Amino acid sequence: MPNHKSAIKRMRQNEKRRLYNRNYRNRARTLVKKARVAIQGDDTSAAEAAVRVAIKDLDMAASRGVIHKRNAARRKGRLMKQLAALKAGN
Protein backbone atom coordinates (compact mmCIF):
# COMPACT_ATOMS: atom_id res chain seq x y z
CA MET A 1 0.00 0.00 0.00
CA PRO A 2 1.26 3.47 -0.83
CA ASN A 3 2.20 5.83 1.96
CA HIS A 4 2.39 9.19 0.17
CA LYS A 5 -0.72 11.18 -0.53
CA SER A 6 0.08 11.45 -4.25
CA ALA A 7 0.70 7.70 -4.50
CA ILE A 8 -2.64 6.98 -2.83
CA LYS A 9 -4.39 9.22 -5.35
CA ARG A 10 -2.47 7.60 -8.20
CA MET A 11 -3.64 4.18 -7.04
CA ARG A 12 -7.27 5.35 -7.04
CA GLN A 13 -6.87 6.78 -10.54
CA ASN A 14 -5.21 3.63 -11.84
CA GLU A 15 -8.07 1.48 -10.58
CA LYS A 16 -10.67 3.76 -12.18
CA ARG A 17 -8.82 3.73 -15.49
CA ARG A 18 -8.35 -0.03 -15.37
CA LEU A 19 -12.10 -0.55 -15.05
CA TYR A 20 -12.79 2.03 -17.78
CA ASN A 21 -10.29 0.44 -20.17
CA ARG A 22 -11.55 -3.07 -19.44
CA ASN A 23 -14.98 -2.20 -20.84
CA TYR A 24 -13.55 -1.01 -24.15
CA ARG A 25 -11.07 -3.88 -24.41
CA ASN A 26 -13.71 -6.54 -23.74
CA ARG A 27 -16.14 -4.95 -26.18
CA ALA A 28 -13.49 -4.91 -28.91
CA ARG A 29 -12.59 -8.54 -28.25
CA THR A 30 -16.24 -9.59 -28.37
CA LEU A 31 -16.87 -7.81 -31.65
CA VAL A 32 -13.72 -9.32 -33.20
CA LYS A 33 -14.91 -12.79 -32.14
CA LYS A 34 -18.34 -12.13 -33.66
CA ALA A 35 -16.68 -11.02 -36.88
CA ARG A 36 -14.58 -14.20 -37.00
CA VAL A 37 -17.68 -16.34 -36.45
CA ALA A 38 -19.46 -14.44 -39.23
CA ILE A 39 -16.48 -15.04 -41.53
CA GLN A 40 -16.67 -18.78 -40.77
CA GLY A 41 -20.24 -18.73 -42.08
CA ASP A 42 -21.08 -18.42 -45.75
CA ASP A 43 -22.96 -15.11 -45.67
CA THR A 44 -20.52 -12.58 -47.12
CA SER A 45 -22.69 -9.53 -46.45
CA ALA A 46 -23.15 -10.44 -42.77
CA ALA A 47 -19.41 -11.02 -42.45
CA GLU A 48 -18.67 -7.63 -44.03
CA ALA A 49 -21.05 -5.89 -41.64
CA ALA A 50 -19.55 -7.65 -38.60
CA VAL A 51 -16.01 -6.80 -39.70
CA ARG A 52 -16.99 -3.16 -40.25
CA VAL A 53 -18.39 -2.93 -36.71
CA ALA A 54 -15.32 -4.62 -35.24
CA ILE A 55 -12.95 -2.30 -37.10
CA LYS A 56 -14.85 0.76 -35.90
CA ASP A 57 -14.64 -0.45 -32.31
CA LEU A 58 -10.92 -1.25 -32.60
CA ASP A 59 -10.30 2.26 -33.93
CA MET A 60 -12.24 3.74 -31.04
CA ALA A 61 -10.28 1.69 -28.49
CA ALA A 62 -7.00 2.75 -30.11
CA SER A 63 -7.98 6.42 -30.19
CA ARG A 64 -8.83 6.30 -26.48
CA GLY A 65 -5.49 4.68 -25.69
CA VAL A 66 -7.00 1.44 -24.43
CA ILE A 67 -4.98 -0.57 -26.95
CA HIS A 68 -1.99 0.53 -28.99
CA LYS A 69 -2.71 1.83 -32.48
CA ARG A 70 -0.46 -0.79 -34.06
CA ASN A 71 -2.23 -3.52 -32.09
CA ALA A 72 -5.53 -2.28 -33.56
CA ALA A 73 -4.00 -2.11 -37.05
CA ARG A 74 -2.72 -5.67 -36.76
CA ARG A 75 -6.11 -7.00 -35.67
CA LYS A 76 -7.89 -5.08 -38.43
CA GLY A 77 -5.44 -6.39 -41.01
CA ARG A 78 -6.01 -9.96 -39.94
CA LEU A 79 -9.78 -9.54 -40.07
CA MET A 80 -9.61 -8.00 -43.54
CA LYS A 81 -7.33 -10.81 -44.72
CA GLN A 82 -9.84 -13.41 -43.53
CA LEU A 83 -12.69 -11.48 -45.16
CA ALA A 84 -10.80 -11.27 -48.44
CA ALA A 85 -10.21 -15.02 -48.35
CA LEU A 86 -13.93 -15.57 -47.81
CA LYS A 87 -14.78 -13.33 -50.77
CA ALA A 88 -12.22 -15.07 -52.98
CA GLY A 89 -13.68 -18.44 -52.04
CA ASN A 90 -17.21 -17.43 -53.06
PDB file of N, CA and C in Angstrom:
ATOM      1  N   MET A   1       0.838  -1.185   0.000  1.00  0.00           N
ATOM      2  CA  MET A   1       0.000   0.000   0.000  1.00  0.00           C
ATOM      3  C   MET A   1       0.882   1.247   0.000  1.00  0.00           C
ATOM      4  N   PRO A   2       0.464   2.243  -0.776  1.00  0.00           N
ATOM      5  CA  PRO A   2       1.264   3.470  -0.831  1.00  0.00           C
ATOM      6  C   PRO A   2       1.138   4.285   0.461  1.00  0.00           C
ATOM      7  N   ASN A   3       2.180   5.018   0.740  1.00  0.00           N
ATOM      8  CA  ASN A   3       2.196   5.833   1.957  1.00  0.00           C
ATOM      9  C   ASN A   3       2.024   7.320   1.664  1.00  0.00           C
ATOM     10  N   HIS A   4       2.484   7.773   0.507  1.00  0.00           N
ATOM     11  CA  HIS A   4       2.393   9.191   0.169  1.00  0.00           C
ATOM     12  C   HIS A   4       1.011   9.521  -0.367  1.00  0.00           C
ATOM     13  N   LYS A   5       0.613  10.748  -0.114  1.00  0.00           N
ATOM     14  CA  LYS A   5      -0.717  11.183  -0.534  1.00  0.00           C
ATOM     15  C   LYS A   5      -0.876  11.088  -2.051  1.00  0.00           C
ATOM     16  N   SER A   6       0.151  11.477  -2.787  1.00  0.00           N
ATOM     17  CA  SER A   6       0.079  11.448  -4.247  1.00  0.00           C
ATOM     18  C   SER A   6       0.018  10.012  -4.760  1.00  0.00           C
ATOM     19  N   ALA A   7       0.718   9.103  -4.080  1.00  0.00           N
ATOM     20  CA  ALA A   7       0.703   7.697  -4.497  1.00  0.00           C
ATOM     21  C   ALA A   7      -0.659   7.064  -4.221  1.00  0.00           C
ATOM     22  N   ILE A   8      -1.304   7.485  -3.138  1.00  0.00           N
ATOM     23  CA  ILE A   8      -2.644   6.985  -2.826  1.00  0.00           C
ATOM     24  C   ILE A   8      -3.632   7.436  -3.907  1.00  0.00           C
ATOM     25  N   LYS A   9      -3.519   8.697  -4.292  1.00  0.00           N
ATOM     26  CA  LYS A   9      -4.393   9.217  -5.355  1.00  0.00           C
ATOM     27  C   LYS A   9      -4.115   8.506  -6.672  1.00  0.00           C
ATOM     28  N   ARG A  10      -2.849   8.281  -6.963  1.00  0.00           N
ATOM     29  CA  ARG A  10      -2.471   7.599  -8.200  1.00  0.00           C
ATOM     30  C   ARG A  10      -3.071   6.193  -8.235  1.00  0.00           C
ATOM     31  N   MET A  11      -3.075   5.515  -7.111  1.00  0.00           N
ATOM     32  CA  MET A  11      -3.644   4.176  -7.037  1.00  0.00           C
ATOM     33  C   MET A  11      -5.149   4.210  -7.329  1.00  0.00           C
ATOM     34  N   ARG A  12      -5.835   5.201  -6.768  1.00  0.00           N
ATOM     35  CA  ARG A  12      -7.270   5.346  -7.042  1.00  0.00           C
ATOM     36  C   ARG A  12      -7.516   5.598  -8.520  1.00  0.00           C
ATOM     37  N   GLN A  13      -6.704   6.466  -9.119  1.00  0.00           N
ATOM     38  CA  GLN A  13      -6.870   6.784 -10.540  1.00  0.00           C
ATOM     39  C   GLN A  13      -6.601   5.562 -11.409  1.00  0.00           C
ATOM     40  N   ASN A  14      -5.554   4.820 -11.063  1.00  0.00           N
ATOM     41  CA  ASN A  14      -5.212   3.631 -11.839  1.00  0.00           C
ATOM     42  C   ASN A  14      -6.345   2.612 -11.828  1.00  0.00           C
ATOM     43  N   GLU A  15      -6.970   2.440 -10.688  1.00  0.00           N
ATOM     44  CA  GLU A  15      -8.075   1.478 -10.584  1.00  0.00           C
ATOM     45  C   GLU A  15      -9.258   1.928 -11.432  1.00  0.00           C
ATOM     46  N   LYS A  16      -9.570   3.222 -11.369  1.00  0.00           N
ATOM     47  CA  LYS A  16     -10.671   3.763 -12.176  1.00  0.00           C
ATOM     48  C   LYS A  16     -10.402   3.555 -13.665  1.00  0.00           C
ATOM     49  N   ARG A  17      -9.177   3.857 -14.078  1.00  0.00           N
ATOM     50  CA  ARG A  17      -8.817   3.734 -15.491  1.00  0.00           C
ATOM     51  C   ARG A  17      -8.790   2.277 -15.928  1.00  0.00           C
ATOM     52  N   ARG A  18      -8.373   1.394 -15.039  1.00  0.00           N
ATOM     53  CA  ARG A  18      -8.354  -0.029 -15.369  1.00  0.00           C
ATOM     54  C   ARG A  18      -9.765  -0.530 -15.673  1.00  0.00           C
ATOM     55  N   LEU A  19     -10.717  -0.134 -14.835  1.00  0.00           N
ATOM     56  CA  LEU A  19     -12.096  -0.552 -15.054  1.00  0.00           C
ATOM     57  C   LEU A  19     -12.668   0.065 -16.323  1.00  0.00           C
ATOM     58  N   TYR A  20     -12.341   1.324 -16.579  1.00  0.00           N
ATOM     59  CA  TYR A  20     -12.795   2.028 -17.775  1.00  0.00           C
ATOM     60  C   TYR A  20     -12.240   1.352 -19.026  1.00  0.00           C
ATOM     61  N   ASN A  21     -10.941   1.061 -19.020  1.00  0.00           N
ATOM     62  CA  ASN A  21     -10.289   0.444 -20.172  1.00  0.00           C
ATOM     63  C   ASN A  21     -10.791  -0.975 -20.400  1.00  0.00           C
ATOM     64  N   ARG A  22     -11.106  -1.687 -19.310  1.00  0.00           N
ATOM     65  CA  ARG A  22     -11.554  -3.069 -19.437  1.00  0.00           C
ATOM     66  C   ARG A  22     -12.835  -3.154 -20.256  1.00  0.00           C
ATOM     67  N   ASN A  23     -13.737  -2.199 -20.075  1.00  0.00           N
ATOM     68  CA  ASN A  23     -14.982  -2.196 -20.841  1.00  0.00           C
ATOM     69  C   ASN A  23     -14.714  -2.102 -22.336  1.00  0.00           C
ATOM     70  N   TYR A  24     -13.847  -1.180 -22.729  1.00  0.00           N
ATOM     71  CA  TYR A  24     -13.549  -1.008 -24.150  1.00  0.00           C
ATOM     72  C   TYR A  24     -12.799  -2.204 -24.713  1.00  0.00           C
ATOM     73  N   ARG A  25     -11.857  -2.742 -23.935  1.00  0.00           N
ATOM     74  CA  ARG A  25     -11.070  -3.878 -24.411  1.00  0.00           C
ATOM     75  C   ARG A  25     -11.955  -5.106 -24.606  1.00  0.00           C
ATOM     76  N   ASN A  26     -12.824  -5.378 -23.631  1.00  0.00           N
ATOM     77  CA  ASN A  26     -13.707  -6.538 -23.737  1.00  0.00           C
ATOM     78  C   ASN A  26     -14.691  -6.385 -24.887  1.00  0.00           C
ATOM     79  N   ARG A  27     -15.202  -5.180 -25.077  1.00  0.00           N
ATOM     80  CA  ARG A  27     -16.136  -4.949 -26.177  1.00  0.00           C
ATOM     81  C   ARG A  27     -15.455  -5.193 -27.518  1.00  0.00           C
ATOM     82  N   ALA A  28     -14.224  -4.705 -27.658  1.00  0.00           N
ATOM     83  CA  ALA A  28     -13.489  -4.906 -28.911  1.00  0.00           C
ATOM     84  C   ALA A  28     -13.233  -6.391 -29.148  1.00  0.00           C
ATOM     85  N   ARG A  29     -12.842  -7.105 -28.111  1.00  0.00           N
ATOM     86  CA  ARG A  29     -12.588  -8.539 -28.249  1.00  0.00           C
ATOM     87  C   ARG A  29     -13.855  -9.281 -28.667  1.00  0.00           C
ATOM     88  N   THR A  30     -14.981  -8.932 -28.051  1.00  0.00           N
ATOM     89  CA  THR A  30     -16.242  -9.588 -28.367  1.00  0.00           C
ATOM     90  C   THR A  30     -16.622  -9.354 -29.815  1.00  0.00           C
ATOM     91  N   LEU A  31     -16.484  -8.119 -30.283  1.00  0.00           N
ATOM     92  CA  LEU A  31     -16.866  -7.814 -31.655  1.00  0.00           C
ATOM     93  C   LEU A  31     -15.933  -8.489 -32.661  1.00  0.00           C
ATOM     94  N   VAL A  32     -14.659  -8.616 -32.318  1.00  0.00           N
ATOM     95  CA  VAL A  32     -13.724  -9.324 -33.203  1.00  0.00           C
ATOM     96  C   VAL A  32     -14.103 -10.801 -33.277  1.00  0.00           C
ATOM     97  N   LYS A  33     -14.482 -11.384 -32.133  1.00  0.00           N
ATOM     98  CA  LYS A  33     -14.913 -12.791 -32.138  1.00  0.00           C
ATOM     99  C   LYS A  33     -16.158 -12.970 -32.983  1.00  0.00           C
ATOM    100  N   LYS A  34     -17.117 -12.045 -32.856  1.00  0.00           N
ATOM    101  CA  LYS A  34     -18.335 -12.126 -33.655  1.00  0.00           C
ATOM    102  C   LYS A  34     -18.023 -12.018 -35.137  1.00  0.00           C
ATOM    103  N   ALA A  35     -17.070 -11.160 -35.487  1.00  0.00           N
ATOM    104  CA  ALA A  35     -16.677 -11.016 -36.885  1.00  0.00           C
ATOM    105  C   ALA A  35     -16.046 -12.303 -37.400  1.00  0.00           C
ATOM    106  N   ARG A  36     -15.205 -12.936 -36.580  1.00  0.00           N
ATOM    107  CA  ARG A  36     -14.581 -14.199 -37.004  1.00  0.00           C
ATOM    108  C   ARG A  36     -15.620 -15.292 -37.194  1.00  0.00           C
ATOM    109  N   VAL A  37     -16.608 -15.345 -36.312  1.00  0.00           N
ATOM    110  CA  VAL A  37     -17.683 -16.336 -36.446  1.00  0.00           C
ATOM    111  C   VAL A  37     -18.469 -16.066 -37.716  1.00  0.00           C
ATOM    112  N   ALA A  38     -18.735 -14.793 -38.011  1.00  0.00           N
ATOM    113  CA  ALA A  38     -19.461 -14.437 -39.229  1.00  0.00           C
ATOM    114  C   ALA A  38     -18.659 -14.808 -40.469  1.00  0.00           C
ATOM    115  N   ILE A  39     -17.338 -14.665 -40.400  1.00  0.00           N
ATOM    116  CA  ILE A  39     -16.481 -15.036 -41.534  1.00  0.00           C
ATOM    117  C   ILE A  39     -16.497 -16.544 -41.737  1.00  0.00           C
ATOM    118  N   GLN A  40     -16.604 -17.316 -40.657  1.00  0.00           N
ATOM    119  CA  GLN A  40     -16.667 -18.776 -40.772  1.00  0.00           C
ATOM    120  C   GLN A  40     -17.936 -19.223 -41.496  1.00  0.00           C
ATOM    121  N   GLY A  41     -19.008 -18.417 -41.377  1.00  0.00           N
ATOM    122  CA  GLY A  41     -20.243 -18.735 -42.084  1.00  0.00           C
ATOM    123  C   GLY A  41     -20.089 -18.439 -43.566  1.00  0.00           C
ATOM    124  N   ASP A  42     -21.152 -18.626 -44.306  1.00  0.00           N
ATOM    125  CA  ASP A  42     -21.085 -18.425 -45.754  1.00  0.00           C
ATOM    126  C   ASP A  42     -21.670 -17.093 -46.203  1.00  0.00           C
ATOM    127  N   ASP A  43     -22.314 -16.367 -45.311  1.00  0.00           N
ATOM    128  CA  ASP A  43     -22.963 -15.113 -45.675  1.00  0.00           C
ATOM    129  C   ASP A  43     -21.925 -13.990 -45.732  1.00  0.00           C
ATOM    130  N   THR A  44     -21.562 -13.594 -46.949  1.00  0.00           N
ATOM    131  CA  THR A  44     -20.524 -12.576 -47.123  1.00  0.00           C
ATOM    132  C   THR A  44     -20.969 -11.214 -46.611  1.00  0.00           C
ATOM    133  N   SER A  45     -22.228 -10.862 -46.858  1.00  0.00           N
ATOM    134  CA  SER A  45     -22.693  -9.530 -46.446  1.00  0.00           C
ATOM    135  C   SER A  45     -22.729  -9.405 -44.924  1.00  0.00           C
ATOM    136  N   ALA A  46     -23.142 -10.472 -44.240  1.00  0.00           N
ATOM    137  CA  ALA A  46     -23.153 -10.443 -42.768  1.00  0.00           C
ATOM    138  C   ALA A  46     -21.731 -10.355 -42.234  1.00  0.00           C
ATOM    139  N   ALA A  47     -20.812 -11.060 -42.871  1.00  0.00           N
ATOM    140  CA  ALA A  47     -19.408 -11.023 -42.451  1.00  0.00           C
ATOM    141  C   ALA A  47     -18.835  -9.618 -42.643  1.00  0.00           C
ATOM    142  N   GLU A  48     -19.154  -8.989 -43.778  1.00  0.00           N
ATOM    143  CA  GLU A  48     -18.665  -7.631 -44.027  1.00  0.00           C
ATOM    144  C   GLU A  48     -19.181  -6.664 -42.972  1.00  0.00           C
ATOM    145  N   ALA A  49     -20.461  -6.785 -42.639  1.00  0.00           N
ATOM    146  CA  ALA A  49     -21.046  -5.894 -41.637  1.00  0.00           C
ATOM    147  C   ALA A  49     -20.392  -6.100 -40.273  1.00  0.00           C
ATOM    148  N   ALA A  50     -20.169  -7.351 -39.894  1.00  0.00           N
ATOM    149  CA  ALA A  50     -19.554  -7.648 -38.601  1.00  0.00           C
ATOM    150  C   ALA A  50     -18.117  -7.131 -38.553  1.00  0.00           C
ATOM    151  N   VAL A  51     -17.392  -7.284 -39.650  1.00  0.00           N
ATOM    152  CA  VAL A  51     -16.012  -6.799 -39.705  1.00  0.00           C
ATOM    153  C   VAL A  51     -15.996  -5.280 -39.615  1.00  0.00           C
ATOM    154  N   ARG A  52     -16.923  -4.620 -40.281  1.00  0.00           N
ATOM    155  CA  ARG A  52     -16.987  -3.160 -40.247  1.00  0.00           C
ATOM    156  C   ARG A  52     -17.210  -2.657 -38.818  1.00  0.00           C
ATOM    157  N   VAL A  53     -18.112  -3.316 -38.100  1.00  0.00           N
ATOM    158  CA  VAL A  53     -18.395  -2.926 -36.715  1.00  0.00           C
ATOM    159  C   VAL A  53     -17.166  -3.165 -35.836  1.00  0.00           C
ATOM    160  N   ALA A  54     -16.498  -4.309 -36.033  1.00  0.00           N
ATOM    161  CA  ALA A  54     -15.315  -4.625 -35.235  1.00  0.00           C
ATOM    162  C   ALA A  54     -14.195  -3.622 -35.494  1.00  0.00           C
ATOM    163  N   ILE A  55     -14.011  -3.248 -36.751  1.00  0.00           N
ATOM    164  CA  ILE A  55     -12.955  -2.298 -37.097  1.00  0.00           C
ATOM    165  C   ILE A  55     -13.238  -0.936 -36.474  1.00  0.00           C
ATOM    166  N   LYS A  56     -14.489  -0.528 -36.515  1.00  0.00           N
ATOM    167  CA  LYS A  56     -14.854   0.758 -35.903  1.00  0.00           C
ATOM    168  C   LYS A  56     -14.550   0.741 -34.411  1.00  0.00           C
ATOM    169  N   ASP A  57     -14.872  -0.360 -33.759  1.00  0.00           N
ATOM    170  CA  ASP A  57     -14.635  -0.447 -32.314  1.00  0.00           C
ATOM    171  C   ASP A  57     -13.144  -0.507 -31.994  1.00  0.00           C
ATOM    172  N   LEU A  58     -12.370  -1.211 -32.815  1.00  0.00           N
ATOM    173  CA  LEU A  58     -10.920  -1.250 -32.604  1.00  0.00           C
ATOM    174  C   LEU A  58     -10.317   0.141 -32.754  1.00  0.00           C
ATOM    175  N   ASP A  59     -10.797   0.891 -33.754  1.00  0.00           N
ATOM    176  CA  ASP A  59     -10.302   2.257 -33.933  1.00  0.00           C
ATOM    177  C   ASP A  59     -10.635   3.129 -32.729  1.00  0.00           C
ATOM    178  N   MET A  60     -11.834   2.952 -32.185  1.00  0.00           N
ATOM    179  CA  MET A  60     -12.244   3.741 -31.036  1.00  0.00           C
ATOM    180  C   MET A  60     -11.375   3.391 -29.819  1.00  0.00           C
ATOM    181  N   ALA A  61     -11.121   2.102 -29.620  1.00  0.00           N
ATOM    182  CA  ALA A  61     -10.284   1.688 -28.495  1.00  0.00           C
ATOM    183  C   ALA A  61      -8.865   2.239 -28.647  1.00  0.00           C
ATOM    184  N   ALA A  62      -8.353   2.236 -29.875  1.00  0.00           N
ATOM    185  CA  ALA A  62      -7.003   2.753 -30.109  1.00  0.00           C
ATOM    186  C   ALA A  62      -6.957   4.262 -29.903  1.00  0.00           C
ATOM    187  N   SER A  63      -7.985   4.960 -30.341  1.00  0.00           N
ATOM    188  CA  SER A  63      -7.980   6.416 -30.194  1.00  0.00           C
ATOM    189  C   SER A  63      -8.084   6.826 -28.729  1.00  0.00           C
ATOM    190  N   ARG A  64      -8.712   6.006 -27.906  1.00  0.00           N
ATOM    191  CA  ARG A  64      -8.833   6.302 -26.483  1.00  0.00           C
ATOM    192  C   ARG A  64      -7.615   5.831 -25.698  1.00  0.00           C
ATOM    193  N   GLY A  65      -6.697   5.131 -26.363  1.00  0.00           N
ATOM    194  CA  GLY A  65      -5.488   4.684 -25.690  1.00  0.00           C
ATOM    195  C   GLY A  65      -5.655   3.392 -24.925  1.00  0.00           C
ATOM    196  N   VAL A  66      -6.771   2.699 -25.143  1.00  0.00           N
ATOM    197  CA  VAL A  66      -7.005   1.441 -24.433  1.00  0.00           C
ATOM    198  C   VAL A  66      -6.084   0.360 -24.984  1.00  0.00           C
ATOM    199  N   ILE A  67      -5.954   0.322 -26.315  1.00  0.00           N
ATOM    200  CA  ILE A  67      -4.980  -0.566 -26.950  1.00  0.00           C
ATOM    201  C   ILE A  67      -4.083   0.298 -27.836  1.00  0.00           C
ATOM    202  N   HIS A  68      -2.928  -0.221 -28.165  1.00  0.00           N
ATOM    203  CA  HIS A  68      -1.992   0.528 -28.987  1.00  0.00           C
ATOM    204  C   HIS A  68      -2.511   0.590 -30.415  1.00  0.00           C
ATOM    205  N   LYS A  69      -2.189   1.661 -31.127  1.00  0.00           N
ATOM    206  CA  LYS A  69      -2.712   1.833 -32.483  1.00  0.00           C
ATOM    207  C   LYS A  69      -2.190   0.752 -33.424  1.00  0.00           C
ATOM    208  N   ARG A  70      -0.976   0.272 -33.196  1.00  0.00           N
ATOM    209  CA  ARG A  70      -0.458  -0.792 -34.059  1.00  0.00           C
ATOM    210  C   ARG A  70      -1.116  -2.128 -33.742  1.00  0.00           C
ATOM    211  N   ASN A  71      -1.481  -2.320 -32.481  1.00  0.00           N
ATOM    212  CA  ASN A  71      -2.226  -3.515 -32.092  1.00  0.00           C
ATOM    213  C   ASN A  71      -3.572  -3.527 -32.821  1.00  0.00           C
ATOM    214  N   ALA A  72      -4.246  -2.385 -32.850  1.00  0.00           N
ATOM    215  CA  ALA A  72      -5.527  -2.282 -33.556  1.00  0.00           C
ATOM    216  C   ALA A  72      -5.322  -2.518 -35.051  1.00  0.00           C
ATOM    217  N   ALA A  73      -4.264  -1.952 -35.618  1.00  0.00           N
ATOM    218  CA  ALA A  73      -3.996  -2.111 -37.048  1.00  0.00           C
ATOM    219  C   ALA A  73      -3.734  -3.572 -37.387  1.00  0.00           C
ATOM    220  N   ARG A  74      -3.013  -4.257 -36.522  1.00  0.00           N
ATOM    221  CA  ARG A  74      -2.716  -5.669 -36.759  1.00  0.00           C
ATOM    222  C   ARG A  74      -3.997  -6.496 -36.744  1.00  0.00           C
ATOM    223  N   ARG A  75      -4.857  -6.247 -35.765  1.00  0.00           N
ATOM    224  CA  ARG A  75      -6.110  -6.996 -35.670  1.00  0.00           C
ATOM    225  C   ARG A  75      -7.013  -6.703 -36.860  1.00  0.00           C
ATOM    226  N   LYS A  76      -7.063  -5.442 -37.274  1.00  0.00           N
ATOM    227  CA  LYS A  76      -7.890  -5.079 -38.427  1.00  0.00           C
ATOM    228  C   LYS A  76      -7.364  -5.743 -39.695  1.00  0.00           C
ATOM    229  N   GLY A  77      -6.045  -5.765 -39.830  1.00  0.00           N
ATOM    230  CA  GLY A  77      -5.445  -6.392 -41.007  1.00  0.00           C
ATOM    231  C   GLY A  77      -5.758  -7.869 -41.082  1.00  0.00           C
ATOM    232  N   ARG A  78      -5.706  -8.536 -39.957  1.00  0.00           N
ATOM    233  CA  ARG A  78      -6.011  -9.965 -39.938  1.00  0.00           C
ATOM    234  C   ARG A  78      -7.471 -10.231 -40.278  1.00  0.00           C
ATOM    235  N   LEU A  79      -8.357  -9.381 -39.753  1.00  0.00           N
ATOM    236  CA  LEU A  79      -9.780  -9.536 -40.067  1.00  0.00           C
ATOM    237  C   LEU A  79     -10.027  -9.323 -41.561  1.00  0.00           C
ATOM    238  N   MET A  80      -9.410  -8.294 -42.113  1.00  0.00           N
ATOM    239  CA  MET A  80      -9.609  -8.003 -43.538  1.00  0.00           C
ATOM    240  C   MET A  80      -9.030  -9.112 -44.414  1.00  0.00           C
ATOM    241  N   LYS A  81      -7.934  -9.700 -43.970  1.00  0.00           N
ATOM    242  CA  LYS A  81      -7.331 -10.805 -44.720  1.00  0.00           C
ATOM    243  C   LYS A  81      -8.272 -12.001 -44.747  1.00  0.00           C
ATOM    244  N   GLN A  82      -8.891 -12.305 -43.609  1.00  0.00           N
ATOM    245  CA  GLN A  82      -9.844 -13.407 -43.532  1.00  0.00           C
ATOM    246  C   GLN A  82     -11.085 -13.121 -44.376  1.00  0.00           C
ATOM    247  N   LEU A  83     -11.528 -11.869 -44.346  1.00  0.00           N
ATOM    248  CA  LEU A  83     -12.693 -11.485 -45.158  1.00  0.00           C
ATOM    249  C   LEU A  83     -12.390 -11.591 -46.640  1.00  0.00           C
ATOM    250  N   ALA A  84     -11.200 -11.178 -47.029  1.00  0.00           N
ATOM    251  CA  ALA A  84     -10.804 -11.272 -48.445  1.00  0.00           C
ATOM    252  C   ALA A  84     -10.737 -12.719 -48.893  1.00  0.00           C
ATOM    253  N   ALA A  85     -10.269 -13.598 -48.007  1.00  0.00           N
ATOM    254  CA  ALA A  85     -10.210 -15.025 -48.350  1.00  0.00           C
ATOM    255  C   ALA A  85     -11.607 -15.588 -48.524  1.00  0.00           C
ATOM    256  N   LEU A  86     -12.541 -15.135 -47.687  1.00  0.00           N
ATOM    257  CA  LEU A  86     -13.935 -15.570 -47.814  1.00  0.00           C
ATOM    258  C   LEU A  86     -14.529 -15.117 -49.137  1.00  0.00           C
ATOM    259  N   LYS A  87     -14.270 -13.859 -49.497  1.00  0.00           N
ATOM    260  CA  LYS A  87     -14.781 -13.328 -50.770  1.00  0.00           C
ATOM    261  C   LYS A  87     -14.181 -14.060 -51.960  1.00  0.00           C
ATOM    262  N   ALA A  88     -12.894 -14.362 -51.882  1.00  0.00           N
ATOM    263  CA  ALA A  88     -12.225 -15.070 -52.978  1.00  0.00           C
ATOM    264  C   ALA A  88     -12.763 -16.480 -53.130  1.00  0.00           C
ATOM    265  N   GLY A  89     -13.145 -17.088 -52.001  1.00  0.00           N
ATOM    266  CA  GLY A  89     -13.680 -18.442 -52.045  1.00  0.00           C
ATOM    267  C   GLY A  89     -15.073 -18.523 -52.627  1.00  0.00           C
ATOM    268  N   ASN A  90     -15.830 -17.427 -52.545  1.00  0.00           N
ATOM    269  CA  ASN A  90     -17.211 -17.429 -53.059  1.00  0.00           C
ATOM    270  C   ASN A  90     -17.300 -17.123 -54.510  1.00  0.00           C
TER     271      ASN A  90
END
